[in-house]
Structure formats: structure tokens, C-alpha cells
Amino acid sequence: MDKVIPFLMFQDGKAEEAMQFYTSLIEDSEIKSIVRYGPNEAGAEGTVFQAVFILKGQEFMCIDSNVKHAFSFTPSFSIYVTCNTEEEIDQLYRQLEEGGHALMPLGNYGFSKKFGWLNDRFGVSWQLNYV
């Protein structure tokens, strides 16, 4: 076994937009590679056939699904981020919540100084923690 990588499947051609958004929010992050569908291939031309991006050293893979599914992302799997400052968690939460929705608003739930859980505008679930 070489490695284990989280894999995100986006609907409606949103993979590249999501990668650009995520890498703009988190320092030391980048889009590593993008392979796009070409003309007359299974997916819409120009959408993401397969891509790799890195958030703070953690590699992710993603695609734009060319098949419509009856499912999408679920909060039972989330990206967990430990923030170093209260300002950092406040800003990241605010940016991710734009167009998304809160599952647990930022607050003190007894297990950390500040915690928040939300789904972003792409449906991806994030847990943010400031310890």
C-alpha cells in the first residue's frame, strides 16, 4: 500500500472551483494536478476528470462526476482543521459558511475553546477546532 488519500466527487462541474476556493483559504496549499475531459469523452469537455490538491500537507483527489447520482456529500465525513488562533477559526468559519450552512455554530461546547461544524457551498463538511 502506497498511501491513503481522501477522494471528493463533485456534481455539476464544481471540482475546480472548490479546489481553488479551498487552496485560497488555507496557507501552504496548492492544486498539484488537473486532468480534464476532452472533446467527445464521457464527461463535459473541460471539467475535471481527475485532480490532486494539497491542503496544509494533506493530499486530496477529486473529480467532476459525469454520472448523476442520488447522493452527494454527507457530514458523516468531514475535513477536520485545527486552528492556531481565534482569529484564524473565526475567519475560516466565516469564509466556508458563505453559501453553505452551519451544523454547529462557532461556540464553546466544552471540549475545546471554540469549535464549529458546517457544510460549505459545495456540500463538503468541515469541522474547525481552536484548542
N, C-alpha and C. Protein backbone atom coordinates (compact mmCIF):
# COMPACT_ATOMS: atom_id res chain seq x y z
N MET A 1 0.84 -1.17 0.00
CA MET A 1 0.00 0.00 0.00
C MET A 1 0.90 1.24 0.00
N ASP A 2 0.63 2.14 -0.90
CA ASP A 2 1.45 3.33 -1.04
C ASP A 2 0.96 4.46 -0.13
N LYS A 3 -0.34 4.80 -0.20
CA LYS A 3 -0.89 5.85 0.65
C LYS A 3 -2.40 5.80 0.65
N VAL A 4 -2.99 6.55 1.55
CA VAL A 4 -4.44 6.68 1.65
C VAL A 4 -4.77 8.15 1.43
N ILE A 5 -5.68 8.43 0.49
CA ILE A 5 -5.99 9.80 0.11
C ILE A 5 -7.51 10.01 0.13
N PRO A 6 -7.99 11.04 0.82
CA PRO A 6 -9.42 11.37 0.73
C PRO A 6 -9.78 11.73 -0.71
N PHE A 7 -10.97 11.31 -1.14
CA PHE A 7 -11.41 11.49 -2.52
C PHE A 7 -12.77 12.18 -2.51
N LEU A 8 -12.90 13.29 -3.22
CA LEU A 8 -14.14 14.06 -3.26
C LEU A 8 -14.72 14.02 -4.67
N MET A 9 -15.99 13.65 -4.77
CA MET A 9 -16.68 13.61 -6.06
C MET A 9 -17.69 14.75 -6.10
N PHE A 10 -17.46 15.68 -7.02
CA PHE A 10 -18.33 16.85 -7.15
C PHE A 10 -19.33 16.63 -8.28
N GLN A 11 -20.49 17.21 -8.11
CA GLN A 11 -21.53 17.20 -9.14
C GLN A 11 -21.52 18.56 -9.85
N ASP A 12 -22.04 18.62 -11.03
CA ASP A 12 -22.26 19.88 -11.76
C ASP A 12 -20.99 20.67 -12.06
N GLY A 13 -19.87 20.00 -12.25
CA GLY A 13 -18.65 20.68 -12.67
C GLY A 13 -18.04 21.64 -11.68
N LYS A 14 -18.15 21.37 -10.39
CA LYS A 14 -17.68 22.29 -9.35
C LYS A 14 -16.32 21.93 -8.76
N ALA A 15 -15.67 20.87 -9.21
CA ALA A 15 -14.41 20.42 -8.60
C ALA A 15 -13.32 21.48 -8.66
N GLU A 16 -13.09 22.07 -9.82
CA GLU A 16 -12.02 23.05 -9.93
C GLU A 16 -12.32 24.30 -9.09
N GLU A 17 -13.55 24.76 -9.12
CA GLU A 17 -13.93 25.92 -8.31
C GLU A 17 -13.70 25.63 -6.82
N ALA A 18 -14.08 24.44 -6.37
CA ALA A 18 -13.89 24.07 -4.97
C ALA A 18 -12.40 24.02 -4.62
N MET A 19 -11.58 23.39 -5.48
CA MET A 19 -10.14 23.33 -5.21
C MET A 19 -9.52 24.72 -5.11
N GLN A 20 -9.90 25.60 -6.02
CA GLN A 20 -9.37 26.96 -6.00
C GLN A 20 -9.79 27.68 -4.71
N PHE A 21 -11.03 27.49 -4.30
CA PHE A 21 -11.53 28.10 -3.08
C PHE A 21 -10.76 27.57 -1.87
N TYR A 22 -10.66 26.27 -1.73
CA TYR A 22 -10.00 25.67 -0.57
C TYR A 22 -8.53 26.07 -0.48
N THR A 23 -7.81 26.03 -1.61
CA THR A 23 -6.39 26.36 -1.58
C THR A 23 -6.17 27.86 -1.34
N SER A 24 -7.16 28.69 -1.63
CA SER A 24 -7.03 30.13 -1.34
C SER A 24 -7.24 30.42 0.14
N LEU A 25 -7.96 29.56 0.85
CA LEU A 25 -8.27 29.77 2.26
C LEU A 25 -7.18 29.28 3.21
N ILE A 26 -6.50 28.22 2.83
CA ILE A 26 -5.57 27.55 3.74
C ILE A 26 -4.15 27.69 3.22
N GLU A 27 -3.29 28.30 4.04
CA GLU A 27 -1.89 28.50 3.62
C GLU A 27 -1.19 27.17 3.42
N ASP A 28 -0.10 27.22 2.67
CA ASP A 28 0.68 26.02 2.34
C ASP A 28 -0.20 24.99 1.62
N SER A 29 -1.01 25.47 0.70
CA SER A 29 -1.91 24.61 -0.07
C SER A 29 -1.74 24.90 -1.56
N GLU A 30 -2.02 23.89 -2.37
CA GLU A 30 -1.86 24.08 -3.82
C GLU A 30 -2.66 23.03 -4.59
N ILE A 31 -2.97 23.39 -5.82
CA ILE A 31 -3.51 22.41 -6.78
C ILE A 31 -2.30 21.77 -7.44
N LYS A 32 -2.17 20.48 -7.28
CA LYS A 32 -0.99 19.76 -7.76
C LYS A 32 -1.13 19.35 -9.22
N SER A 33 -2.32 18.86 -9.60
CA SER A 33 -2.52 18.44 -10.99
C SER A 33 -4.01 18.42 -11.32
N ILE A 34 -4.29 18.68 -12.59
CA ILE A 34 -5.66 18.59 -13.10
C ILE A 34 -5.60 17.92 -14.47
N VAL A 35 -6.38 16.86 -14.64
CA VAL A 35 -6.58 16.24 -15.94
C VAL A 35 -8.04 16.49 -16.29
N ARG A 36 -8.28 17.07 -17.46
CA ARG A 36 -9.64 17.45 -17.86
C ARG A 36 -10.20 16.51 -18.92
N TYR A 37 -11.53 16.44 -18.94
CA TYR A 37 -12.18 15.73 -20.04
C TYR A 37 -11.96 16.51 -21.33
N GLY A 38 -11.69 15.77 -22.38
CA GLY A 38 -11.52 16.38 -23.70
C GLY A 38 -12.79 16.24 -24.52
N PRO A 39 -12.75 16.68 -25.76
CA PRO A 39 -13.94 16.57 -26.62
C PRO A 39 -14.31 15.10 -26.85
N ASN A 40 -15.59 14.84 -26.86
CA ASN A 40 -16.15 13.51 -27.13
C ASN A 40 -15.75 12.46 -26.10
N GLU A 41 -15.43 12.89 -24.88
CA GLU A 41 -15.17 11.94 -23.80
C GLU A 41 -16.39 11.85 -22.90
N ALA A 42 -16.35 10.98 -21.93
CA ALA A 42 -17.52 10.70 -21.09
C ALA A 42 -18.05 11.91 -20.33
N GLY A 43 -17.17 12.80 -19.88
CA GLY A 43 -17.59 13.98 -19.12
C GLY A 43 -17.65 15.21 -20.01
N ALA A 44 -18.23 16.28 -19.46
CA ALA A 44 -18.31 17.54 -20.20
C ALA A 44 -16.90 18.07 -20.45
N GLU A 45 -16.64 18.48 -21.67
CA GLU A 45 -15.32 18.96 -22.05
C GLU A 45 -14.85 20.07 -21.11
N GLY A 46 -13.62 19.93 -20.62
CA GLY A 46 -13.03 20.93 -19.75
C GLY A 46 -13.25 20.70 -18.26
N THR A 47 -14.19 19.81 -17.92
CA THR A 47 -14.41 19.52 -16.50
C THR A 47 -13.32 18.56 -16.00
N VAL A 48 -13.27 18.37 -14.70
CA VAL A 48 -12.18 17.63 -14.08
C VAL A 48 -12.41 16.12 -14.16
N PHE A 49 -11.54 15.46 -14.92
CA PHE A 49 -11.54 14.00 -14.97
C PHE A 49 -10.91 13.45 -13.70
N GLN A 50 -9.79 14.07 -13.30
CA GLN A 50 -9.12 13.70 -12.05
C GLN A 50 -8.17 14.83 -11.67
N ALA A 51 -8.16 15.17 -10.38
CA ALA A 51 -7.27 16.23 -9.91
C ALA A 51 -6.74 15.87 -8.53
N VAL A 52 -5.62 16.48 -8.20
CA VAL A 52 -5.00 16.32 -6.89
C VAL A 52 -4.71 17.72 -6.35
N PHE A 53 -5.11 17.95 -5.10
CA PHE A 53 -4.77 19.20 -4.44
C PHE A 53 -4.31 18.90 -3.03
N ILE A 54 -3.58 19.85 -2.46
CA ILE A 54 -2.99 19.67 -1.14
C ILE A 54 -3.43 20.81 -0.24
N LEU A 55 -3.93 20.45 0.95
CA LEU A 55 -4.30 21.42 1.97
C LEU A 55 -3.40 21.19 3.17
N LYS A 56 -2.48 22.12 3.40
CA LYS A 56 -1.59 22.06 4.56
C LYS A 56 -0.90 20.69 4.68
N GLY A 57 -0.42 20.17 3.55
CA GLY A 57 0.31 18.91 3.54
C GLY A 57 -0.55 17.67 3.32
N GLN A 58 -1.88 17.79 3.44
CA GLN A 58 -2.78 16.64 3.23
C GLN A 58 -3.23 16.61 1.77
N GLU A 59 -2.94 15.51 1.11
CA GLU A 59 -3.32 15.35 -0.29
C GLU A 59 -4.77 14.90 -0.40
N PHE A 60 -5.48 15.45 -1.39
CA PHE A 60 -6.86 15.07 -1.72
C PHE A 60 -6.93 14.81 -3.21
N MET A 61 -7.80 13.92 -3.60
CA MET A 61 -8.13 13.72 -5.01
C MET A 61 -9.57 14.17 -5.21
N CYS A 62 -9.89 14.59 -6.44
CA CYS A 62 -11.29 14.91 -6.72
C CYS A 62 -11.58 14.75 -8.20
N ILE A 63 -12.87 14.68 -8.49
CA ILE A 63 -13.37 14.58 -9.86
C ILE A 63 -14.66 15.38 -9.97
N ASP A 64 -15.02 15.67 -11.21
CA ASP A 64 -16.38 16.08 -11.55
C ASP A 64 -17.05 14.82 -12.06
N SER A 65 -18.05 14.36 -11.37
CA SER A 65 -18.73 13.13 -11.80
C SER A 65 -19.47 13.38 -13.11
N ASN A 66 -19.26 12.50 -14.06
CA ASN A 66 -20.00 12.59 -15.31
C ASN A 66 -21.31 11.80 -15.23
N VAL A 67 -21.56 11.18 -14.08
CA VAL A 67 -22.79 10.42 -13.83
C VAL A 67 -23.56 11.13 -12.73
N LYS A 68 -24.84 11.35 -12.92
CA LYS A 68 -25.66 11.95 -11.87
C LYS A 68 -26.01 10.87 -10.87
N HIS A 69 -25.76 11.17 -9.60
CA HIS A 69 -26.04 10.22 -8.53
C HIS A 69 -27.15 10.76 -7.63
N ALA A 70 -27.79 9.88 -6.91
CA ALA A 70 -28.84 10.27 -5.97
C ALA A 70 -28.24 10.65 -4.62
N PHE A 71 -26.93 10.74 -4.55
CA PHE A 71 -26.25 11.08 -3.29
C PHE A 71 -25.23 12.17 -3.56
N SER A 72 -24.81 12.79 -2.49
CA SER A 72 -23.78 13.80 -2.53
C SER A 72 -22.93 13.65 -1.28
N PHE A 73 -22.31 14.72 -0.84
CA PHE A 73 -21.51 14.67 0.37
C PHE A 73 -22.41 14.53 1.60
N THR A 74 -21.86 13.97 2.66
CA THR A 74 -22.59 13.82 3.91
C THR A 74 -21.71 14.32 5.05
N PRO A 75 -22.29 14.93 6.09
CA PRO A 75 -21.49 15.39 7.21
C PRO A 75 -20.82 14.28 8.01
N SER A 76 -21.19 13.03 7.74
CA SER A 76 -20.56 11.94 8.49
C SER A 76 -19.08 11.80 8.12
N PHE A 77 -18.67 12.41 7.01
CA PHE A 77 -17.25 12.51 6.66
C PHE A 77 -16.95 13.99 6.51
N SER A 78 -15.96 14.48 7.24
CA SER A 78 -15.67 15.91 7.19
C SER A 78 -14.17 16.14 7.19
N ILE A 79 -13.80 17.35 6.78
CA ILE A 79 -12.41 17.79 6.84
C ILE A 79 -12.24 18.48 8.19
N TYR A 80 -11.32 17.98 8.99
CA TYR A 80 -11.11 18.49 10.36
C TYR A 80 -9.87 19.38 10.36
N VAL A 81 -10.03 20.61 10.83
CA VAL A 81 -8.94 21.59 10.83
C VAL A 81 -8.72 22.09 12.26
N THR A 82 -7.48 22.02 12.71
CA THR A 82 -7.11 22.59 14.00
C THR A 82 -6.51 23.97 13.75
N CYS A 83 -7.15 24.99 14.29
CA CYS A 83 -6.70 26.37 14.10
C CYS A 83 -5.82 26.80 15.27
N ASN A 84 -4.86 27.67 14.98
CA ASN A 84 -3.90 28.12 15.99
C ASN A 84 -4.36 29.34 16.77
N THR A 85 -5.27 30.14 16.18
CA THR A 85 -5.74 31.35 16.85
C THR A 85 -7.25 31.48 16.71
N GLU A 86 -7.83 32.27 17.58
CA GLU A 86 -9.26 32.52 17.50
C GLU A 86 -9.61 33.29 16.23
N GLU A 87 -8.74 34.20 15.84
CA GLU A 87 -8.96 34.96 14.61
C GLU A 87 -8.98 34.03 13.40
N GLU A 88 -8.08 33.05 13.40
CA GLU A 88 -8.00 32.10 12.30
C GLU A 88 -9.28 31.28 12.18
N ILE A 89 -9.79 30.76 13.29
CA ILE A 89 -11.02 29.96 13.22
C ILE A 89 -12.21 30.82 12.83
N ASP A 90 -12.27 32.04 13.35
CA ASP A 90 -13.39 32.93 13.01
C ASP A 90 -13.41 33.23 11.51
N GLN A 91 -12.24 33.56 10.96
CA GLN A 91 -12.16 33.91 9.54
C GLN A 91 -12.46 32.71 8.65
N LEU A 92 -11.87 31.56 8.96
CA LEU A 92 -12.09 30.37 8.14
C LEU A 92 -13.55 29.94 8.18
N TYR A 93 -14.15 29.96 9.37
CA TYR A 93 -15.56 29.59 9.50
C TYR A 93 -16.43 30.53 8.67
N ARG A 94 -16.18 31.83 8.77
CA ARG A 94 -16.97 32.83 8.04
C ARG A 94 -16.87 32.58 6.54
N GLN A 95 -15.66 32.31 6.03
CA GLN A 95 -15.46 32.10 4.60
C GLN A 95 -16.12 30.81 4.12
N LEU A 96 -15.99 29.75 4.89
CA LEU A 96 -16.59 28.47 4.50
C LEU A 96 -18.11 28.50 4.60
N GLU A 97 -18.64 29.27 5.53
CA GLU A 97 -20.09 29.31 5.73
C GLU A 97 -20.81 30.10 4.63
N GLU A 98 -20.08 30.96 3.92
CA GLU A 98 -20.68 31.77 2.87
C GLU A 98 -21.26 30.86 1.78
N GLY A 99 -22.57 30.86 1.65
CA GLY A 99 -23.24 29.99 0.68
C GLY A 99 -23.48 28.59 1.20
N GLY A 100 -22.98 28.28 2.39
CA GLY A 100 -23.18 26.96 3.00
C GLY A 100 -24.14 27.08 4.16
N HIS A 101 -24.01 26.17 5.12
CA HIS A 101 -24.87 26.27 6.30
C HIS A 101 -24.21 25.61 7.52
N ALA A 102 -24.51 26.19 8.67
CA ALA A 102 -23.94 25.74 9.93
C ALA A 102 -24.61 24.46 10.40
N LEU A 103 -23.80 23.53 10.89
CA LEU A 103 -24.30 22.35 11.58
C LEU A 103 -24.17 22.56 13.08
N MET A 104 -23.06 23.14 13.50
CA MET A 104 -22.82 23.58 14.88
C MET A 104 -22.14 24.94 14.79
N PRO A 105 -22.84 26.03 15.10
CA PRO A 105 -22.23 27.36 15.02
C PRO A 105 -21.01 27.44 15.93
N LEU A 106 -20.11 28.35 15.61
CA LEU A 106 -18.92 28.54 16.43
C LEU A 106 -19.32 28.76 17.88
N GLY A 107 -18.71 28.01 18.78
CA GLY A 107 -19.00 28.17 20.20
C GLY A 107 -18.13 27.28 21.05
N ASN A 108 -18.32 27.40 22.35
CA ASN A 108 -17.62 26.56 23.31
C ASN A 108 -18.57 25.43 23.69
N TYR A 109 -18.25 24.23 23.26
CA TYR A 109 -19.09 23.07 23.53
C TYR A 109 -18.51 22.21 24.65
N GLY A 110 -17.52 22.75 25.34
CA GLY A 110 -16.96 22.06 26.48
C GLY A 110 -15.73 21.22 26.20
N PHE A 111 -15.49 20.88 24.95
CA PHE A 111 -14.33 20.04 24.63
C PHE A 111 -13.20 20.81 23.97
N SER A 112 -13.40 22.11 23.74
CA SER A 112 -12.35 22.98 23.20
C SER A 112 -12.73 24.43 23.49
N LYS A 113 -11.80 25.34 23.23
CA LYS A 113 -12.08 26.75 23.43
C LYS A 113 -13.17 27.24 22.48
N LYS A 114 -13.06 26.77 21.21
CA LYS A 114 -14.02 27.18 20.19
C LYS A 114 -14.08 26.11 19.11
N PHE A 115 -15.29 25.78 18.71
CA PHE A 115 -15.50 24.71 17.73
C PHE A 115 -16.66 25.11 16.82
N GLY A 116 -16.57 24.73 15.57
CA GLY A 116 -17.67 24.93 14.62
C GLY A 116 -17.68 23.83 13.58
N TRP A 117 -18.88 23.48 13.13
CA TRP A 117 -19.05 22.43 12.12
C TRP A 117 -20.02 22.97 11.09
N LEU A 118 -19.68 22.85 9.81
CA LEU A 118 -20.54 23.40 8.77
C LEU A 118 -20.36 22.66 7.47
N ASN A 119 -21.33 22.84 6.59
CA ASN A 119 -21.21 22.39 5.21
C ASN A 119 -20.96 23.63 4.36
N ASP A 120 -19.94 23.57 3.49
CA ASP A 120 -19.65 24.72 2.64
C ASP A 120 -20.60 24.75 1.44
N ARG A 121 -20.43 25.72 0.57
CA ARG A 121 -21.34 25.90 -0.58
C ARG A 121 -21.30 24.74 -1.57
N PHE A 122 -20.28 23.89 -1.47
CA PHE A 122 -20.18 22.72 -2.35
C PHE A 122 -20.76 21.47 -1.69
N GLY A 123 -21.16 21.59 -0.42
CA GLY A 123 -21.71 20.46 0.31
C GLY A 123 -20.70 19.70 1.14
N VAL A 124 -19.43 20.10 1.08
CA VAL A 124 -18.38 19.43 1.84
C VAL A 124 -18.46 19.88 3.30
N SER A 125 -18.34 18.93 4.21
CA SER A 125 -18.44 19.18 5.65
C SER A 125 -17.06 19.47 6.24
N TRP A 126 -17.02 20.49 7.12
CA TRP A 126 -15.78 20.91 7.79
C TRP A 126 -16.02 21.01 9.28
N GLN A 127 -15.08 20.51 10.06
CA GLN A 127 -15.06 20.72 11.49
C GLN A 127 -13.83 21.58 11.79
N LEU A 128 -14.06 22.71 12.45
CA LEU A 128 -12.98 23.63 12.79
C LEU A 128 -12.84 23.68 14.30
N ASN A 129 -11.61 23.55 14.78
CA ASN A 129 -11.38 23.49 16.21
C ASN A 129 -10.24 24.43 16.59
N TYR A 130 -10.46 25.18 17.66
CA TYR A 130 -9.42 26.02 18.25
C TYR A 130 -9.23 25.52 19.67
N VAL A 131 -8.05 24.95 19.93
CA VAL A 131 -7.81 24.33 21.24
C VAL A 131 -7.03 25.23 22.16
